[in-house]
Amino acid sequence: MDDLLFMIFGSLKDYESLSPDLLPLMLMFSIVGGVILSRFTGSIGNLTLPINCSALFIGAMTSNWLLQNVKLPIESTVEAPLLFSMAGMTFASFCMMWWLQRDGLRH
């Protein structure tokens, strides 16, 4: 997993501060969110689900990277990054709903 992240993001020094328990959780939430998001977006064939899941995962990783210096009054090393991940996935899901609108929603 570290090699894949290094290949995608270039440097792992910013992501080493994330808990090792966080990446599988973010991946699981991205897959579940991608399935749910597929019901609200248009269809571009078999690529709809992988694109939605990828966008949500990228949104989660980006929000953790951007908000890594924000300190919340939460003691756990998993709960604050998960909160940031949910915020990033929410933003990514709105972007995907805008980009992959159903034909009936466009006016």
Protein backbone atom coordinates (compact mmCIF):
# COMPACT_ATOMS: atom_id res chain seq x y z
CA MET A 1 0.00 0.00 0.00
CA ASP A 2 2.89 2.36 0.77
CA ASP A 3 4.35 1.79 -2.70
CA LEU A 4 1.01 2.60 -4.33
CA LEU A 5 0.65 5.80 -2.30
CA PHE A 6 4.25 6.75 -3.09
CA MET A 7 3.59 6.22 -6.77
CA ILE A 8 0.40 8.33 -6.66
CA PHE A 9 1.38 11.10 -4.27
CA GLY A 10 5.16 11.18 -4.72
CA SER A 11 6.18 11.47 -1.08
CA LEU A 12 4.94 9.62 1.95
CA LYS A 13 6.41 11.99 4.53
CA ASP A 14 3.08 13.84 4.78
CA TYR A 15 1.11 10.61 5.12
CA GLU A 16 3.35 8.89 7.65
CA SER A 17 1.56 10.79 10.41
CA LEU A 18 -1.69 8.99 9.54
CA SER A 19 -2.57 5.98 11.62
CA PRO A 20 -2.08 2.60 9.88
CA ASP A 21 -5.68 1.79 10.78
CA LEU A 22 -6.90 4.80 8.80
CA LEU A 23 -6.12 3.70 5.22
CA PRO A 24 -8.25 0.53 5.24
CA LEU A 25 -11.11 2.48 6.85
CA MET A 26 -10.85 5.24 4.24
CA LEU A 27 -10.78 2.66 1.47
CA MET A 28 -13.83 0.86 2.89
CA PHE A 29 -15.77 4.12 3.31
CA SER A 30 -14.78 5.16 -0.22
CA ILE A 31 -16.12 1.92 -1.69
CA VAL A 32 -19.38 2.09 0.27
CA GLY A 33 -19.72 5.78 -0.57
CA GLY A 34 -18.99 5.05 -4.23
CA VAL A 35 -21.81 2.50 -4.35
CA ILE A 36 -24.21 4.97 -2.76
CA LEU A 37 -22.99 7.81 -4.97
CA SER A 38 -23.57 5.71 -8.09
CA ARG A 39 -27.31 5.88 -7.39
CA PHE A 40 -27.22 9.69 -7.60
CA THR A 41 -24.89 10.21 -10.55
CA GLY A 42 -25.29 9.51 -14.20
CA SER A 43 -23.88 6.38 -15.72
CA ILE A 44 -20.84 6.22 -17.94
CA GLY A 45 -20.91 2.46 -18.13
CA ASN A 46 -18.75 0.15 -16.08
CA LEU A 47 -16.43 3.00 -15.10
CA THR A 48 -18.97 4.83 -12.94
CA LEU A 49 -18.32 2.89 -9.73
CA PRO A 50 -14.49 2.90 -9.95
CA ILE A 51 -14.44 6.62 -10.78
CA ASN A 52 -16.74 7.42 -7.86
CA CYS A 53 -14.69 5.30 -5.44
CA SER A 54 -11.44 6.83 -6.67
CA ALA A 55 -12.79 10.37 -6.39
CA LEU A 56 -13.94 9.74 -2.81
CA PHE A 57 -10.59 8.20 -1.82
CA ILE A 58 -8.67 11.06 -3.42
CA GLY A 59 -10.95 13.55 -1.65
CA ALA A 60 -10.29 11.84 1.68
CA MET A 61 -6.52 11.78 1.19
CA THR A 62 -6.43 15.38 -0.02
CA SER A 63 -8.46 16.68 2.89
CA ASN A 64 -6.18 14.87 5.34
CA TRP A 65 -3.16 16.37 3.60
CA LEU A 66 -4.63 19.89 3.60
CA LEU A 67 -5.88 19.73 7.19
CA GLN A 68 -2.97 17.86 8.75
CA ASN A 69 -1.98 20.83 10.92
CA VAL A 70 -5.50 21.48 12.22
CA LYS A 71 -5.77 20.31 15.81
CA LEU A 72 -9.19 19.23 17.04
CA PRO A 73 -10.00 18.54 20.70
CA ILE A 74 -10.14 14.80 19.99
CA GLU A 75 -7.70 12.47 21.73
CA SER A 76 -7.72 9.63 19.20
CA THR A 77 -5.35 9.52 16.24
CA VAL A 78 -8.07 7.92 14.09
CA GLU A 79 -11.18 9.98 14.78
CA ALA A 80 -9.89 13.41 13.69
CA PRO A 81 -8.47 12.13 10.36
CA LEU A 82 -11.72 10.22 9.76
CA LEU A 83 -13.66 13.44 10.31
CA PHE A 84 -11.38 15.18 7.80
CA SER A 85 -11.84 12.23 5.43
CA MET A 86 -15.61 12.51 5.62
CA ALA A 87 -15.40 16.22 4.83
CA GLY A 88 -13.18 15.50 1.82
CA MET A 89 -15.43 12.72 0.60
CA THR A 90 -18.48 14.97 0.96
CA PHE A 91 -16.83 17.64 -1.18
CA ALA A 92 -15.73 15.01 -3.73
CA SER A 93 -19.24 13.53 -3.88
CA PHE A 94 -20.76 16.95 -4.63
CA CYS A 95 -18.18 17.41 -7.39
CA MET A 96 -19.01 13.99 -8.83
CA MET A 97 -22.76 14.66 -8.70
CA TRP A 98 -22.18 17.93 -10.55
CA TRP A 99 -19.85 16.33 -13.11
CA LEU A 100 -21.88 13.14 -13.72
CA GLN A 101 -25.38 14.58 -13.61
CA ARG A 102 -28.25 12.44 -14.73
CA ASP A 103 -29.69 13.57 -18.03
CA GLY A 104 -33.05 14.34 -16.43
CA LEU A 105 -31.47 16.78 -13.97
CA ARG A 106 -29.87 19.02 -16.59
CA HIS A 107 -31.93 22.01 -17.63
